[in-house]
Amino acid sequence: MTAHAPYEPIKKNLLPLFSRPQAKSKTKQAGKISLLKNDVALFSHLYIVLQHRASDMITFFSHENHPFPPSLSDNGKLRLGKKSDLLNILVKDIQNYPPDSVDVKLLDGATVVHFLNTATVLTFDQYADQVFLPYVMKQLESSRRVDVVWDKYIPTSIKESTREKRGKGIRRRVEGSNKLPGNWADFLRDSTNKQELFKFLSSKIANMKYPERKKVVTTSDATALILGSNQSMGPCDHEEADTRLLIHLQDALQNGCTTCLVRTIDIDVVVILIVKFHHLLTLCPDVNVWVAFGTGKSFTYYYVKIWVRKNHWQQHCKWDIS
């Protein structure tokens, strides 16, 4: 506590008293009613004025009388919507499972970190050695190449404001001997925590030994580390793994892969793959892409080629992000 001298004045506190009760905040419904009443009053005044002036009524009725468009804003706050609703307009009656073995598996690193169980380990070293790396090795058993793609965290990014709205989690320094936090979900809400964790796991992947003829690619900031091959990838300044996964998919196709599996829980990745599928066909006409989507009971596979054919989107998807 800050020490104060006894002669310093006490600041006035607006505490709720019986003579001055705390003002009650309006409910959402009451706010809407108040807004509608103000709109009616404003509209009636303007309409009466127009009766005595030469004006065009069609022009009058073509303008909004709100300070913000109601279709985009809820009482001044932007309507965010639900990205998961996009799945409802896509083909849901077609289920096509991937083959038992594919050429490349592309893992959204943040997704894997969220769904892997941490209950059996105590430290970050144990988590990497006993949980995360065994999962990567398991993916190599049914593929020739595995790419682990991480998000980048830029303090000045517009995405940072979205992360702040999700709430702040528990800050815990990521070091091998440090204990894992008890609440893993709260730990992953902090951007600094995730940035340190992703770098830590990326270094663990880079120092791991892999079987012959197997390739593992992981990202570290803008750099892609390729293990088990002399090939190289140029730096990538994409902030999110959503679009960076596509860059790695393009590289895999250019190096002989045709069957690809993308692991994610982000609907953005699914939409990007659908929109970009026409471009992927120009790189490899035999490309087949499946998305392993969701977790638990909601886990399912989506076959991108069928979606594109059913919705005839390939004729509209001509832009390139490379």
C-alpha atoms as a PDB file:
ATOM      1  CA  MET A   1       0.000   0.000   0.000  1.00  0.00           C
ATOM      2  CA  THR A   2       1.112   3.574  -0.697  1.00  0.00           C
ATOM      3  CA  ALA A   3       1.971   5.577   2.447  1.00  0.00           C
ATOM      4  CA  HIS A   4       0.291   8.962   2.887  1.00  0.00           C
ATOM      5  CA  ALA A   5       1.049  11.802   5.277  1.00  0.00           C
ATOM      6  CA  PRO A   6      -1.609  12.427   7.970  1.00  0.00           C
ATOM      7  CA  TYR A   7      -2.164  16.019   6.777  1.00  0.00           C
ATOM      8  CA  GLU A   8      -2.983  15.027   3.187  1.00  0.00           C
ATOM      9  CA  PRO A   9      -6.647  15.532   2.212  1.00  0.00           C
ATOM     10  CA  ILE A  10      -8.821  12.474   1.774  1.00  0.00           C
ATOM     11  CA  LYS A  11     -10.151  12.090  -1.730  1.00  0.00           C
ATOM     12  CA  LYS A  12     -13.911  12.169  -2.181  1.00  0.00           C
ATOM     13  CA  ASN A  13     -15.392   8.702  -2.750  1.00  0.00           C
ATOM     14  CA  LEU A  14     -18.733   8.315  -4.480  1.00  0.00           C
ATOM     15  CA  LEU A  15     -19.826   5.371  -2.382  1.00  0.00           C
ATOM     16  CA  PRO A  16     -23.484   4.237  -2.607  1.00  0.00           C
ATOM     17  CA  LEU A  17     -25.398   5.567   0.408  1.00  0.00           C
ATOM     18  CA  PHE A  18     -29.068   5.385   1.433  1.00  0.00           C
ATOM     19  CA  SER A  19     -29.473   9.041   0.443  1.00  0.00           C
ATOM     20  CA  ARG A  20     -27.527   8.494  -2.786  1.00  0.00           C
ATOM     21  CA  PRO A  21     -28.131   4.941  -4.050  1.00  0.00           C
ATOM     22  CA  GLN A  22     -26.045   3.587  -6.889  1.00  0.00           C
ATOM     23  CA  ALA A  23     -27.612   4.234 -10.277  1.00  0.00           C
ATOM     24  CA  LYS A  24     -28.950   1.108 -11.902  1.00  0.00           C
ATOM     25  CA  SER A  25     -27.699   0.339 -15.376  1.00  0.00           C
ATOM     26  CA  LYS A  26     -30.330  -0.130 -18.052  1.00  0.00           C
ATOM     27  CA  THR A  27     -31.034  -3.584 -19.345  1.00  0.00           C
ATOM     28  CA  LYS A  28     -30.432  -4.379 -22.993  1.00  0.00           C
ATOM     29  CA  GLN A  29     -34.185  -4.409 -23.680  1.00  0.00           C
ATOM     30  CA  ALA A  30     -34.704  -1.047 -21.945  1.00  0.00           C
ATOM     31  CA  GLY A  31     -31.853   0.432 -23.984  1.00  0.00           C
ATOM     32  CA  LYS A  32     -33.481  -0.711 -27.215  1.00  0.00           C
ATOM     33  CA  ILE A  33     -36.847   0.760 -26.204  1.00  0.00           C
ATOM     34  CA  SER A  34     -35.211   4.079 -25.329  1.00  0.00           C
ATOM     35  CA  LEU A  35     -33.399   4.108 -28.669  1.00  0.00           C
ATOM     36  CA  LEU A  36     -36.637   3.408 -30.565  1.00  0.00           C
ATOM     37  CA  LYS A  37     -38.436   6.209 -28.742  1.00  0.00           C
ATOM     38  CA  ASN A  38     -35.686   8.657 -29.669  1.00  0.00           C
ATOM     39  CA  ASP A  39     -35.864   7.477 -33.281  1.00  0.00           C
ATOM     40  CA  VAL A  40     -39.629   7.998 -33.396  1.00  0.00           C
ATOM     41  CA  ALA A  41     -39.340  11.495 -31.923  1.00  0.00           C
ATOM     42  CA  LEU A  42     -36.578  12.462 -34.359  1.00  0.00           C
ATOM     43  CA  PHE A  43     -38.435  10.973 -37.329  1.00  0.00           C
ATOM     44  CA  SER A  44     -41.700  12.758 -36.461  1.00  0.00           C
ATOM     45  CA  HIS A  45     -39.979  16.139 -36.060  1.00  0.00           C
ATOM     46  CA  LEU A  46     -38.189  15.827 -39.387  1.00  0.00           C
ATOM     47  CA  TYR A  47     -41.340  14.646 -41.112  1.00  0.00           C
ATOM     48  CA  ILE A  48     -43.349  17.612 -39.813  1.00  0.00           C
ATOM     49  CA  VAL A  49     -40.638  20.015 -41.002  1.00  0.00           C
ATOM     50  CA  LEU A  50     -40.754  18.470 -44.480  1.00  0.00           C
ATOM     51  CA  GLN A  51     -44.479  19.208 -44.770  1.00  0.00           C
ATOM     52  CA  HIS A  52     -43.737  22.938 -44.917  1.00  0.00           C
ATOM     53  CA  ARG A  53     -40.683  22.824 -47.176  1.00  0.00           C
ATOM     54  CA  ALA A  54     -40.092  21.782 -50.741  1.00  0.00           C
ATOM     55  CA  SER A  55     -38.351  18.429 -50.438  1.00  0.00           C
ATOM     56  CA  ASP A  56     -38.255  14.972 -51.905  1.00  0.00           C
ATOM     57  CA  MET A  57     -39.942  12.394 -49.651  1.00  0.00           C
ATOM     58  CA  ILE A  58     -38.269   9.482 -51.453  1.00  0.00           C
ATOM     59  CA  THR A  59     -34.863  10.956 -50.637  1.00  0.00           C
ATOM     60  CA  PHE A  60     -35.956  11.496 -47.033  1.00  0.00           C
ATOM     61  CA  PHE A  61     -37.006   7.872 -46.550  1.00  0.00           C
ATOM     62  CA  SER A  62     -33.844   6.544 -48.217  1.00  0.00           C
ATOM     63  CA  HIS A  63     -31.589   7.717 -45.368  1.00  0.00           C
ATOM     64  CA  GLU A  64     -30.938   6.023 -42.030  1.00  0.00           C
ATOM     65  CA  ASN A  65     -32.046   7.896 -38.935  1.00  0.00           C
ATOM     66  CA  HIS A  66     -29.672   5.882 -36.722  1.00  0.00           C
ATOM     67  CA  PRO A  67     -26.170   7.032 -35.799  1.00  0.00           C
ATOM     68  CA  PHE A  68     -25.060   3.521 -36.833  1.00  0.00           C
ATOM     69  CA  PRO A  69     -26.502   0.901 -39.230  1.00  0.00           C
ATOM     70  CA  PRO A  70     -28.586  -1.606 -37.203  1.00  0.00           C
ATOM     71  CA  SER A  71     -27.693  -4.414 -39.615  1.00  0.00           C
ATOM     72  CA  LEU A  72     -24.012  -4.101 -38.649  1.00  0.00           C
ATOM     73  CA  SER A  73     -24.189  -2.718 -35.134  1.00  0.00           C
ATOM     74  CA  ASP A  74     -26.072  -3.540 -31.942  1.00  0.00           C
ATOM     75  CA  ASN A  75     -26.558  -0.247 -30.084  1.00  0.00           C
ATOM     76  CA  GLY A  76     -23.181   0.987 -31.273  1.00  0.00           C
ATOM     77  CA  LYS A  77     -21.319  -2.316 -30.822  1.00  0.00           C
ATOM     78  CA  LEU A  78     -20.236  -4.203 -33.923  1.00  0.00           C
ATOM     79  CA  ARG A  79     -22.087  -7.478 -34.529  1.00  0.00           C
ATOM     80  CA  LEU A  80     -19.429 -10.207 -34.569  1.00  0.00           C
ATOM     81  CA  GLY A  81     -21.473 -13.223 -35.630  1.00  0.00           C
ATOM     82  CA  LYS A  82     -20.455 -16.885 -35.325  1.00  0.00           C
ATOM     83  CA  LYS A  83     -17.944 -18.326 -37.759  1.00  0.00           C
ATOM     84  CA  SER A  84     -19.217 -21.831 -37.035  1.00  0.00           C
ATOM     85  CA  ASP A  85     -22.475 -20.933 -38.816  1.00  0.00           C
ATOM     86  CA  LEU A  86     -20.571 -21.134 -42.105  1.00  0.00           C
ATOM     87  CA  LEU A  87     -20.484 -24.915 -41.783  1.00  0.00           C
ATOM     88  CA  ASN A  88     -24.284 -24.999 -41.974  1.00  0.00           C
ATOM     89  CA  ILE A  89     -24.265 -23.763 -45.575  1.00  0.00           C
ATOM     90  CA  LEU A  90     -21.697 -26.288 -46.741  1.00  0.00           C
ATOM     91  CA  VAL A  91     -22.352 -29.852 -47.867  1.00  0.00           C
ATOM     92  CA  LYS A  92     -23.091 -32.015 -44.826  1.00  0.00           C
ATOM     93  CA  ASP A  93     -24.587 -35.137 -46.385  1.00  0.00           C
ATOM     94  CA  ILE A  94     -21.289 -36.320 -47.885  1.00  0.00           C
ATOM     95  CA  GLN A  95     -18.703 -37.998 -45.676  1.00  0.00           C
ATOM     96  CA  ASN A  96     -15.439 -39.060 -47.262  1.00  0.00           C
ATOM     97  CA  TYR A  97     -12.729 -40.429 -44.979  1.00  0.00           C
ATOM     98  CA  PRO A  98      -9.037 -40.002 -45.823  1.00  0.00           C
ATOM     99  CA  PRO A  99      -6.899 -43.054 -46.615  1.00  0.00           C
ATOM    100  CA  ASP A 100      -4.992 -44.756 -43.809  1.00  0.00           C
ATOM    101  CA  SER A 101      -1.760 -43.184 -45.078  1.00  0.00           C
ATOM    102  CA  VAL A 102      -1.273 -39.750 -46.660  1.00  0.00           C
ATOM    103  CA  ASP A 103       1.732 -37.943 -48.086  1.00  0.00           C
ATOM    104  CA  VAL A 104       1.663 -34.951 -45.735  1.00  0.00           C
ATOM    105  CA  LYS A 105      -0.085 -33.944 -42.526  1.00  0.00           C
ATOM    106  CA  LEU A 106      -0.302 -30.255 -41.689  1.00  0.00           C
ATOM    107  CA  LEU A 107      -0.950 -29.509 -38.027  1.00  0.00           C
ATOM    108  CA  ASP A 108      -2.261 -26.239 -36.664  1.00  0.00           C
ATOM    109  CA  GLY A 109       0.102 -26.111 -33.677  1.00  0.00           C
ATOM    110  CA  ALA A 110      -2.228 -24.070 -31.473  1.00  0.00           C
ATOM    111  CA  THR A 111      -5.017 -26.573 -32.107  1.00  0.00           C
ATOM    112  CA  VAL A 112      -2.842 -29.513 -31.043  1.00  0.00           C
ATOM    113  CA  VAL A 113      -1.730 -27.685 -27.892  1.00  0.00           C
ATOM    114  CA  HIS A 114      -5.359 -27.070 -26.926  1.00  0.00           C
ATOM    115  CA  PHE A 115      -6.653 -30.625 -27.226  1.00  0.00           C
ATOM    116  CA  LEU A 116      -3.692 -32.668 -25.924  1.00  0.00           C
ATOM    117  CA  ASN A 117      -4.166 -33.854 -22.342  1.00  0.00           C
ATOM    118  CA  THR A 118      -1.829 -32.361 -19.727  1.00  0.00           C
ATOM    119  CA  ALA A 119      -3.134 -34.258 -16.687  1.00  0.00           C
ATOM    120  CA  THR A 120      -0.323 -36.852 -16.651  1.00  0.00           C
ATOM    121  CA  VAL A 121       2.662 -34.447 -16.682  1.00  0.00           C
ATOM    122  CA  LEU A 122       4.005 -31.852 -14.263  1.00  0.00           C
ATOM    123  CA  THR A 123       6.583 -29.723 -16.102  1.00  0.00           C
ATOM    124  CA  PHE A 124       6.960 -28.197 -19.561  1.00  0.00           C
ATOM    125  CA  ASP A 125       9.788 -30.614 -20.335  1.00  0.00           C
ATOM    126  CA  GLN A 126       7.547 -33.567 -19.498  1.00  0.00           C
ATOM    127  CA  TYR A 127       4.744 -32.100 -21.578  1.00  0.00           C
ATOM    128  CA  ALA A 128       7.022 -31.752 -24.616  1.00  0.00           C
ATOM    129  CA  ASP A 129       8.777 -35.127 -24.223  1.00  0.00           C
ATOM    130  CA  GLN A 130       5.850 -37.281 -23.086  1.00  0.00           C
ATOM    131  CA  VAL A 131       2.813 -35.664 -24.727  1.00  0.00           C
ATOM    132  CA  PHE A 132       3.544 -33.333 -27.639  1.00  0.00           C
ATOM    133  CA  LEU A 133       6.509 -35.009 -29.364  1.00  0.00           C
ATOM    134  CA  PRO A 134       4.945 -38.511 -29.161  1.00  0.00           C
ATOM    135  CA  TYR A 135       1.879 -37.059 -30.902  1.00  0.00           C
ATOM    136  CA  VAL A 136       4.077 -35.705 -33.725  1.00  0.00           C
ATOM    137  CA  MET A 137       5.851 -39.067 -34.027  1.00  0.00           C
ATOM    138  CA  LYS A 138       2.467 -40.815 -34.177  1.00  0.00           C
ATOM    139  CA  GLN A 139       1.486 -38.646 -37.148  1.00  0.00           C
ATOM    140  CA  LEU A 140       4.699 -39.634 -38.951  1.00  0.00           C
ATOM    141  CA  GLU A 141       3.701 -43.303 -38.821  1.00  0.00           C
ATOM    142  CA  SER A 142       0.989 -42.711 -41.443  1.00  0.00           C
ATOM    143  CA  SER A 143       2.655 -39.974 -43.526  1.00  0.00           C
ATOM    144  CA  ARG A 144       5.946 -39.057 -45.180  1.00  0.00           C
ATOM    145  CA  ARG A 145       5.920 -35.476 -43.978  1.00  0.00           C
ATOM    146  CA  VAL A 146       4.483 -33.579 -40.996  1.00  0.00           C
ATOM    147  CA  ASP A 147       4.302 -29.780 -40.804  1.00  0.00           C
ATOM    148  CA  VAL A 148       3.679 -28.076 -37.453  1.00  0.00           C
ATOM    149  CA  VAL A 149       2.661 -24.464 -38.068  1.00  0.00           C
ATOM    150  CA  TRP A 150       2.469 -21.885 -35.283  1.00  0.00           C
ATOM    151  CA  ASP A 151       0.852 -18.471 -34.982  1.00  0.00           C
ATOM    152  CA  LYS A 152       2.943 -15.317 -34.679  1.00  0.00           C
ATOM    153  CA  TYR A 153       2.111 -12.707 -32.039  1.00  0.00           C
ATOM    154  CA  ILE A 154       2.688  -9.086 -33.034  1.00  0.00           C
ATOM    155  CA  PRO A 155       1.920  -6.497 -30.295  1.00  0.00           C
ATOM    156  CA  THR A 156       0.766  -3.845 -32.790  1.00  0.00           C
ATOM    157  CA  SER A 157      -1.507  -6.245 -34.682  1.00  0.00           C
ATOM    158  CA  ILE A 158      -5.236  -5.550 -34.990  1.00  0.00           C
ATOM    159  CA  LYS A 159      -5.732  -9.170 -33.901  1.00  0.00           C
ATOM    160  CA  GLU A 160      -4.410  -8.251 -30.453  1.00  0.00           C
ATOM    161  CA  SER A 161      -7.628  -6.366 -29.626  1.00  0.00           C
ATOM    162  CA  THR A 162      -9.646  -9.508 -30.392  1.00  0.00           C
ATOM    163  CA  ARG A 163      -7.422 -11.532 -28.075  1.00  0.00           C
ATOM    164  CA  GLU A 164      -7.914  -8.980 -25.291  1.00  0.00           C
ATOM    165  CA  LYS A 165     -11.705  -9.412 -25.517  1.00  0.00           C
ATOM    166  CA  ARG A 166     -11.278 -13.123 -24.770  1.00  0.00           C
ATOM    167  CA  GLY A 167      -9.876 -12.237 -21.360  1.00  0.00           C
ATOM    168  CA  LYS A 168      -6.472 -12.434 -19.746  1.00  0.00           C
ATOM    169  CA  GLY A 169      -5.158 -15.724 -18.480  1.00  0.00           C
ATOM    170  CA  ILE A 170      -2.583 -16.817 -15.936  1.00  0.00           C
ATOM    171  CA  ARG A 171       0.952 -15.611 -16.723  1.00  0.00           C
ATOM    172  CA  ARG A 172       3.526 -18.397 -16.372  1.00  0.00           C
ATOM    173  CA  ARG A 173       7.079 -18.292 -17.707  1.00  0.00           C
ATOM    174  CA  VAL A 174       7.718 -21.209 -20.064  1.00  0.00           C
ATOM    175  CA  GLU A 175      10.899 -23.051 -19.121  1.00  0.00           C
ATOM    176  CA  GLY A 176      11.601 -26.753 -19.193  1.00  0.00           C
ATOM    177  CA  SER A 177      11.797 -27.238 -15.410  1.00  0.00           C
ATOM    178  CA  ASN A 178       8.852 -24.989 -14.588  1.00  0.00           C
ATOM    179  CA  LYS A 179       5.592 -26.591 -13.498  1.00  0.00           C
ATOM    180  CA  LEU A 180       2.584 -26.566 -15.798  1.00  0.00           C
ATOM    181  CA  PRO A 181      -0.277 -24.307 -14.684  1.00  0.00           C
ATOM    182  CA  GLY A 182      -3.258 -26.026 -13.120  1.00  0.00           C
ATOM    183  CA  ASN A 183      -5.691 -24.358 -15.523  1.00  0.00           C
ATOM    184  CA  TRP A 184      -4.289 -25.011 -19.019  1.00  0.00           C
ATOM    185  CA  ALA A 185      -7.099 -23.128 -20.789  1.00  0.00           C
ATOM    186  CA  ASP A 186      -6.473 -19.952 -18.762  1.00  0.00           C
ATOM    187  CA  PHE A 187      -2.751 -20.269 -19.426  1.00  0.00           C
ATOM    188  CA  LEU A 188      -3.388 -20.346 -23.191  1.00  0.00           C
ATOM    189  CA  ARG A 189      -5.431 -17.125 -23.054  1.00  0.00           C
ATOM    190  CA  ASP A 190      -2.274 -15.108 -22.486  1.00  0.00           C
ATOM    191  CA  SER A 191      -0.490 -14.178 -25.712  1.00  0.00           C
ATOM    192  CA  THR A 192       2.946 -14.043 -24.073  1.00  0.00           C
ATOM    193  CA  ASN A 193       2.446 -17.528 -22.667  1.00  0.00           C
ATOM    194  CA  LYS A 194       1.564 -18.927 -26.078  1.00  0.00           C
ATOM    195  CA  GLN A 195       4.430 -17.130 -27.790  1.00  0.00           C
ATOM    196  CA  GLU A 196       6.940 -18.630 -25.341  1.00  0.00           C
ATOM    197  CA  LEU A 197       5.293 -22.064 -25.468  1.00  0.00           C
ATOM    198  CA  PHE A 198       5.308 -22.196 -29.269  1.00  0.00           C
ATOM    199  CA  LYS A 199       8.999 -21.267 -29.404  1.00  0.00           C
ATOM    200  CA  PHE A 200       9.771 -23.850 -26.733  1.00  0.00           C
ATOM    201  CA  LEU A 201       7.943 -26.649 -28.581  1.00  0.00           C
ATOM    202  CA  SER A 202       9.438 -25.575 -31.914  1.00  0.00           C
ATOM    203  CA  SER A 203      12.952 -25.937 -30.478  1.00  0.00           C
ATOM    204  CA  LYS A 204      12.004 -29.360 -29.074  1.00  0.00           C
ATOM    205  CA  ILE A 205      10.835 -30.463 -32.536  1.00  0.00           C
ATOM    206  CA  ALA A 206      14.060 -29.173 -34.109  1.00  0.00           C
ATOM    207  CA  ASN A 207      16.234 -31.188 -31.669  1.00  0.00           C
ATOM    208  CA  MET A 208      14.305 -34.446 -32.094  1.00  0.00           C
ATOM    209  CA  LYS A 209      15.662 -37.383 -34.143  1.00  0.00           C
ATOM    210  CA  TYR A 210      13.276 -38.764 -36.766  1.00  0.00           C
ATOM    211  CA  PRO A 211      13.194 -41.977 -38.855  1.00  0.00           C
ATOM    212  CA  GLU A 212      14.901 -42.047 -42.235  1.00  0.00           C
ATOM    213  CA  ARG A 213      12.925 -40.811 -45.246  1.00  0.00           C
ATOM    214  CA  LYS A 214      10.648 -38.846 -42.950  1.00  0.00           C
ATOM    215  CA  LYS A 215      10.433 -35.068 -43.069  1.00  0.00           C
ATOM    216  CA  VAL A 216       9.271 -32.729 -40.312  1.00  0.00           C
ATOM    217  CA  VAL A 217       8.757 -28.992 -40.824  1.00  0.00           C
ATOM    218  CA  THR A 218       8.120 -26.527 -38.023  1.00  0.00           C
ATOM    219  CA  THR A 219       7.915 -22.751 -37.947  1.00  0.00           C
ATOM    220  CA  SER A 220       9.822 -20.355 -35.712  1.00  0.00           C
ATOM    221  CA  ASP A 221       8.641 -16.770 -36.200  1.00  0.00           C
ATOM    222  CA  ALA A 222       9.045 -16.143 -39.950  1.00  0.00           C
ATOM    223  CA  THR A 223      11.434 -19.053 -40.503  1.00  0.00           C
ATOM    224  CA  ALA A 224      10.541 -22.619 -41.493  1.00  0.00           C
ATOM    225  CA  LEU A 225      12.847 -25.312 -40.066  1.00  0.00           C
ATOM    226  CA  ILE A 226      12.986 -28.419 -42.300  1.00  0.00           C
ATOM    227  CA  LEU A 227      14.286 -31.598 -40.650  1.00  0.00           C
ATOM    228  CA  GLY A 228      15.216 -34.744 -42.566  1.00  0.00           C
ATOM    229  CA  SER A 229      15.775 -32.983 -45.897  1.00  0.00           C
ATOM    230  CA  ASN A 230      18.112 -30.518 -47.586  1.00  0.00           C
ATOM    231  CA  GLN A 231      15.190 -28.567 -49.033  1.00  0.00           C
ATOM    232  CA  SER A 232      14.404 -25.068 -47.837  1.00  0.00           C
ATOM    233  CA  MET A 233      11.445 -22.713 -47.608  1.00  0.00           C
ATOM    234  CA  GLY A 234      11.598 -18.957 -47.822  1.00  0.00           C
ATOM    235  CA  PRO A 235      10.597 -16.762 -44.868  1.00  0.00           C
ATOM    236  CA  CYS A 236       6.887 -16.154 -44.346  1.00  0.00           C
ATOM    237  CA  ASP A 237       5.526 -13.031 -42.653  1.00  0.00           C
ATOM    238  CA  HIS A 238       1.954 -14.323 -42.228  1.00  0.00           C
ATOM    239  CA  GLU A 239       0.733 -13.643 -38.704  1.00  0.00           C
ATOM    240  CA  GLU A 240      -1.760 -16.475 -38.295  1.00  0.00           C
ATOM    241  CA  ALA A 241      -1.382 -20.167 -38.980  1.00  0.00           C
ATOM    242  CA  ASP A 242      -4.647 -20.046 -40.995  1.00  0.00           C
ATOM    243  CA  THR A 243      -2.965 -18.768 -44.150  1.00  0.00           C
ATOM    244  CA  ARG A 244       0.484 -20.074 -43.304  1.00  0.00           C
ATOM    245  CA  LEU A 245      -0.856 -23.642 -43.435  1.00  0.00           C
ATOM    246  CA  LEU A 246      -1.740 -22.997 -47.070  1.00  0.00           C
ATOM    247  CA  ILE A 247       1.818 -21.856 -47.817  1.00  0.00           C
ATOM    248  CA  HIS A 248       3.119 -25.148 -46.393  1.00  0.00           C
ATOM    249  CA  LEU A 249       0.504 -27.093 -48.335  1.00  0.00           C
ATOM    250  CA  GLN A 250       1.641 -25.422 -51.562  1.00  0.00           C
ATOM    251  CA  ASP A 251       5.256 -26.317 -50.764  1.00  0.00           C
ATOM    252  CA  ALA A 252       4.288 -29.941 -50.129  1.00  0.00           C
ATOM    253  CA  LEU A 253       2.476 -30.149 -53.483  1.00  0.00           C
ATOM    254  CA  GLN A 254       5.454 -28.648 -55.289  1.00  0.00           C
ATOM    255  CA  ASN A 255       7.655 -31.352 -53.720  1.00  0.00           C
ATOM    256  CA  GLY A 256       5.629 -34.344 -54.876  1.00  0.00           C
ATOM    257  CA  CYS A 257       2.833 -34.729 -52.301  1.00  0.00           C
ATOM    258  CA  THR A 258      -0.707 -35.364 -53.553  1.00  0.00           C
ATOM    259  CA  THR A 259      -2.741 -36.604 -50.563  1.00  0.00           C
ATOM    260  CA  CYS A 260      -2.887 -34.092 -47.715  1.00  0.00           C
ATOM    261  CA  LEU A 261      -4.542 -33.969 -44.296  1.00  0.00           C
ATOM    262  CA  VAL A 262      -4.964 -30.687 -42.383  1.00  0.00           C
ATOM    263  CA  ARG A 263      -5.659 -30.853 -38.624  1.00  0.00           C
ATOM    264  CA  THR A 264      -7.463 -27.829 -37.190  1.00  0.00           C
ATOM    265  CA  ILE A 265     -10.460 -26.605 -35.214  1.00  0.00           C
ATOM    266  CA  ASP A 266     -10.623 -23.235 -36.978  1.00  0.00           C
ATOM    267  CA  ILE A 267     -13.370 -22.728 -39.572  1.00  0.00           C
ATOM    268  CA  ASP A 268     -11.182 -20.063 -41.234  1.00  0.00           C
ATOM    269  CA  VAL A 269      -8.782 -22.788 -42.401  1.00  0.00           C
ATOM    270  CA  VAL A 270     -11.658 -24.737 -43.994  1.00  0.00           C
ATOM    271  CA  VAL A 271     -12.940 -21.668 -45.850  1.00  0.00           C
ATOM    272  CA  ILE A 272      -9.454 -20.722 -47.087  1.00  0.00           C
ATOM    273  CA  LEU A 273      -8.849 -24.248 -48.405  1.00  0.00           C
ATOM    274  CA  ILE A 274     -12.156 -24.218 -50.293  1.00  0.00           C
ATOM    275  CA  VAL A 275     -11.515 -20.792 -51.807  1.00  0.00           C
ATOM    276  CA  LYS A 276      -7.922 -21.642 -52.754  1.00  0.00           C
ATOM    277  CA  PHE A 277      -8.589 -25.147 -54.087  1.00  0.00           C
ATOM    278  CA  HIS A 278      -8.624 -23.967 -57.705  1.00  0.00           C
ATOM    279  CA  HIS A 279      -5.102 -22.604 -57.218  1.00  0.00           C
ATOM    280  CA  LEU A 280      -3.992 -25.892 -55.625  1.00  0.00           C
ATOM    281  CA  LEU A 281      -5.250 -27.755 -58.700  1.00  0.00           C
ATOM    282  CA  THR A 282      -2.969 -25.643 -60.889  1.00  0.00           C
ATOM    283  CA  LEU A 283      -0.017 -26.803 -58.781  1.00  0.00           C
ATOM    284  CA  CYS A 284      -1.070 -30.462 -58.688  1.00  0.00           C
ATOM    285  CA  PRO A 285      -4.082 -31.712 -60.711  1.00  0.00           C
ATOM    286  CA  ASP A 286      -4.220 -34.889 -58.560  1.00  0.00           C
ATOM    287  CA  VAL A 287      -4.361 -33.074 -55.226  1.00  0.00           C
ATOM    288  CA  ASN A 288      -6.697 -34.454 -52.543  1.00  0.00           C
ATOM    289  CA  VAL A 289      -7.165 -32.523 -49.306  1.00  0.00           C
ATOM    290  CA  TRP A 290      -9.010 -33.668 -46.194  1.00  0.00           C
ATOM    291  CA  VAL A 291      -9.603 -31.595 -43.068  1.00  0.00           C
ATOM    292  CA  ALA A 292      -9.651 -33.308 -39.670  1.00  0.00           C
ATOM    293  CA  PHE A 293     -11.930 -30.859 -37.891  1.00  0.00           C
ATOM    294  CA  GLY A 294     -13.119 -30.474 -34.312  1.00  0.00           C
ATOM    295  CA  THR A 295     -12.531 -32.470 -31.144  1.00  0.00           C
ATOM    296  CA  GLY A 296     -14.379 -35.076 -29.102  1.00  0.00           C
ATOM    297  CA  LYS A 297     -17.904 -35.909 -30.259  1.00  0.00           C
ATOM    298  CA  SER A 298     -17.832 -33.103 -32.845  1.00  0.00           C
ATOM    299  CA  PHE A 299     -14.720 -34.482 -34.581  1.00  0.00           C
ATOM    300  CA  THR A 300     -15.229 -35.209 -38.277  1.00  0.00           C
ATOM    301  CA  TYR A 301     -13.454 -35.291 -41.646  1.00  0.00           C
ATOM    302  CA  TYR A 302     -14.229 -32.926 -44.511  1.00  0.00           C
ATOM    303  CA  TYR A 303     -13.193 -33.677 -48.086  1.00  0.00           C
ATOM    304  CA  VAL A 304     -12.470 -30.341 -49.752  1.00  0.00           C
ATOM    305  CA  LYS A 305     -12.737 -31.518 -53.368  1.00  0.00           C
ATOM    306  CA  ILE A 306     -16.355 -32.678 -52.938  1.00  0.00           C
ATOM    307  CA  TRP A 307     -17.323 -29.364 -51.341  1.00  0.00           C
ATOM    308  CA  VAL A 308     -15.818 -27.443 -54.246  1.00  0.00           C
ATOM    309  CA  ARG A 309     -17.532 -29.624 -56.860  1.00  0.00           C
ATOM    310  CA  LYS A 310     -20.907 -29.542 -55.118  1.00  0.00           C
ATOM    311  CA  ASN A 311     -20.910 -25.764 -54.739  1.00  0.00           C
ATOM    312  CA  HIS A 312     -19.142 -24.985 -58.049  1.00  0.00           C
ATOM    313  CA  TRP A 313     -16.771 -22.635 -56.262  1.00  0.00           C
ATOM    314  CA  GLN A 314     -13.729 -23.449 -58.377  1.00  0.00           C
ATOM    315  CA  GLN A 315     -14.825 -20.991 -61.077  1.00  0.00           C
ATOM    316  CA  HIS A 316     -14.897 -18.152 -58.533  1.00  0.00           C
ATOM    317  CA  CYS A 317     -11.629 -18.907 -56.732  1.00  0.00           C
ATOM    318  CA  LYS A 318      -8.915 -17.272 -58.784  1.00  0.00           C
ATOM    319  CA  TRP A 319      -6.947 -15.157 -56.325  1.00  0.00           C
ATOM    320  CA  ASP A 320      -3.501 -16.001 -54.987  1.00  0.00           C
ATOM    321  CA  ILE A 321      -1.979 -15.213 -51.594  1.00  0.00           C
ATOM    322  CA  SER A 322       1.589 -16.251 -52.373  1.00  0.00           C
END
